[in-house]
Amino acid sequence: IAVNIRAIQANSQSPDDLLLDEGDEIVVPKLNELVKITGEVYSPTEIKYEQGEPLRYYINRSGGYNDFARTSKIYVIYPNGQVAKTKTALFGLVRSYPKIKTGTEVFVPRVIKTEHKRLSTGEVVGLTSVIVSMAGVAVTLINSLHK
């Protein structure tokens, strides 16, 4: 279970504070100096963390987005288990990407394309004849009501 130790130290009533049972252990892992890039990039890899470098730096170092990348839905998983996602504003024109820290995993999801089925010639003819018939019935009904 990943917890935020700083939040617990700052506030003993923090929702991150957990009660330990006998036999429970607290393990502090070694500092992971890598950032893992997975998903729809040309070369999923791990890259050495560079302080202050934005998400785009790590994406470019892994070859950049491939043709299936859904760039508006990128998210990161921090070493403490928290997840942060890309935020958009102004109808998707402005994007704010999550900050990168040591040990972060960046995930670029895949675009899910749905195929739009086109109507066959027979279906178009059938729909057109139904619409014309309905219009004829409506005109006949309106004319008979006005007499």
Protein backbone atom coordinates (compact mmCIF):
# COMPACT_ATOMS: atom_id res chain seq x y z
CA ILE A 1 0.00 0.00 0.00
CA ALA A 2 1.54 3.30 -1.03
CA VAL A 3 0.98 6.19 1.40
CA ASN A 4 2.01 9.82 1.60
CA ILE A 5 4.24 9.94 4.70
CA ARG A 6 4.57 13.74 4.56
CA ALA A 7 0.78 14.15 4.67
CA ILE A 8 0.58 11.81 7.66
CA GLN A 9 3.35 13.68 9.50
CA ALA A 10 1.69 17.03 8.83
CA ASN A 11 -1.76 15.87 9.93
CA SER A 12 -2.38 12.84 12.13
CA GLN A 13 -6.02 12.89 10.96
CA SER A 14 -4.95 12.55 7.31
CA PRO A 15 -6.92 9.98 5.29
CA ASP A 16 -3.50 8.53 4.34
CA ASP A 17 -2.87 7.56 7.98
CA LEU A 18 -3.23 3.80 8.43
CA LEU A 19 -3.27 1.70 11.58
CA LEU A 20 -0.56 -0.94 11.65
CA ASP A 21 -1.19 -4.42 12.98
CA GLU A 22 1.37 -6.66 14.60
CA GLY A 23 3.62 -8.05 11.88
CA ASP A 24 3.04 -5.14 9.47
CA GLU A 25 6.18 -3.68 7.95
CA ILE A 26 7.05 -0.27 6.60
CA VAL A 27 9.34 -0.53 3.60
CA VAL A 28 11.00 2.54 2.13
CA PRO A 29 12.18 1.64 -1.37
CA LYS A 30 15.41 2.92 -2.88
CA LEU A 31 15.11 6.07 -4.95
CA ASN A 32 14.30 5.13 -8.52
CA GLU A 33 16.09 7.60 -10.77
CA LEU A 34 14.24 6.45 -13.89
CA VAL A 35 11.05 7.56 -15.59
CA LYS A 36 9.21 4.76 -17.40
CA ILE A 37 7.43 5.60 -20.67
CA THR A 38 4.85 3.07 -21.88
CA GLY A 39 1.93 2.94 -24.27
CA GLU A 40 1.69 4.50 -27.69
CA VAL A 41 5.22 5.81 -28.22
CA TYR A 42 7.73 4.52 -30.78
CA SER A 43 10.14 3.11 -28.21
CA PRO A 44 8.68 2.38 -24.76
CA THR A 45 11.62 2.69 -22.40
CA GLU A 46 12.99 3.97 -19.10
CA ILE A 47 14.86 7.28 -19.11
CA LYS A 48 17.02 8.81 -16.42
CA TYR A 49 15.08 11.47 -14.48
CA GLU A 50 16.19 15.02 -15.28
CA GLN A 51 14.98 17.58 -12.75
CA GLY A 52 12.68 20.22 -14.20
CA GLU A 53 12.17 18.53 -17.56
CA PRO A 54 8.52 18.42 -18.67
CA LEU A 55 6.58 15.37 -19.82
CA ARG A 56 7.23 16.21 -23.47
CA TYR A 57 11.00 15.76 -22.90
CA TYR A 58 10.45 12.12 -21.86
CA ILE A 59 8.00 11.46 -24.70
CA ASN A 60 10.51 12.80 -27.23
CA ARG A 61 13.33 10.71 -25.72
CA SER A 62 11.18 7.60 -26.23
CA GLY A 63 10.77 8.32 -29.93
CA GLY A 64 7.65 10.50 -29.73
CA TYR A 65 4.01 9.59 -30.14
CA ASN A 66 3.11 6.90 -32.65
CA ASP A 67 0.09 7.09 -34.96
CA PHE A 68 -2.25 5.56 -32.37
CA ALA A 69 -1.46 7.87 -29.41
CA ARG A 70 -4.35 9.56 -27.63
CA THR A 71 -2.40 12.60 -26.41
CA SER A 72 -5.33 14.22 -24.62
CA LYS A 73 -5.60 11.32 -22.15
CA ILE A 74 -1.96 10.85 -21.05
CA TYR A 75 -1.60 10.04 -17.38
CA VAL A 76 1.23 9.41 -14.94
CA ILE A 77 1.53 7.03 -12.01
CA TYR A 78 3.73 8.35 -9.21
CA PRO A 79 5.82 6.05 -6.99
CA ASN A 80 3.36 6.55 -4.11
CA GLY A 81 0.55 5.10 -6.27
CA GLN A 82 -1.21 8.39 -7.00
CA VAL A 83 -2.33 9.06 -10.56
CA ALA A 84 -2.42 12.41 -12.36
CA LYS A 85 -3.92 12.96 -15.79
CA THR A 86 -3.66 15.52 -18.55
CA LYS A 87 -6.03 18.45 -18.05
CA THR A 88 -7.63 20.32 -20.92
CA ALA A 89 -9.18 23.76 -21.13
CA LEU A 90 -10.74 25.97 -23.81
CA PHE A 91 -12.39 23.06 -25.63
CA GLY A 92 -9.16 21.06 -25.75
CA LEU A 93 -7.03 23.86 -27.16
CA VAL A 94 -4.90 24.19 -24.01
CA ARG A 95 -3.41 21.17 -22.26
CA SER A 96 -1.73 20.95 -18.89
CA TYR A 97 0.43 17.88 -18.43
CA PRO A 98 1.27 16.30 -15.05
CA LYS A 99 4.64 17.07 -13.43
CA ILE A 100 7.31 14.40 -13.66
CA LYS A 101 9.14 13.12 -10.57
CA THR A 102 11.68 10.37 -10.00
CA GLY A 103 10.16 6.93 -10.36
CA THR A 104 7.15 8.15 -12.35
CA GLU A 105 5.52 6.00 -15.03
CA VAL A 106 4.07 7.87 -18.02
CA PHE A 107 1.32 6.07 -19.93
CA VAL A 108 0.15 7.17 -23.39
CA PRO A 109 -3.17 5.43 -24.15
CA ARG A 110 -4.33 4.22 -27.55
CA VAL A 111 -6.95 5.93 -29.68
CA ILE A 112 -9.99 3.71 -30.01
CA LYS A 113 -11.34 4.16 -33.49
CA THR A 114 -14.89 3.14 -34.20
CA GLU A 115 -15.82 2.49 -37.77
CA HIS A 116 -18.90 4.21 -39.07
CA LYS A 117 -20.86 1.77 -41.15
CA ARG A 118 -22.09 3.32 -44.35
CA LEU A 119 -25.50 2.45 -45.72
CA SER A 120 -25.64 0.24 -48.79
CA THR A 121 -27.39 1.41 -51.95
CA GLY A 122 -30.37 -0.84 -51.18
CA GLU A 123 -30.68 0.63 -47.66
CA VAL A 124 -30.57 4.20 -49.03
CA VAL A 125 -33.27 3.37 -51.60
CA GLY A 126 -35.42 1.69 -48.93
CA LEU A 127 -35.10 4.62 -46.48
CA THR A 128 -35.82 7.14 -49.24
CA SER A 129 -38.98 5.30 -50.30
CA VAL A 130 -40.18 5.12 -46.68
CA ILE A 131 -39.59 8.86 -46.19
CA VAL A 132 -41.36 9.74 -49.47
CA SER A 133 -44.30 7.46 -48.56
CA MET A 134 -44.58 9.04 -45.08
CA ALA A 135 -44.48 12.52 -46.63
CA GLY A 136 -47.25 11.49 -49.07
CA VAL A 137 -49.40 10.18 -46.20
CA ALA A 138 -48.81 13.41 -44.24
CA VAL A 139 -49.77 15.61 -47.22
CA THR A 140 -52.91 13.52 -47.88
CA LEU A 141 -53.89 13.70 -44.21
CA ILE A 142 -53.38 17.47 -44.07
CA ASN A 143 -55.41 17.97 -47.29
CA SER A 144 -58.29 15.84 -45.99
CA LEU A 145 -58.37 17.78 -42.69
CA HIS A 146 -58.65 21.12 -44.50
CA LYS A 147 -61.72 20.04 -46.56
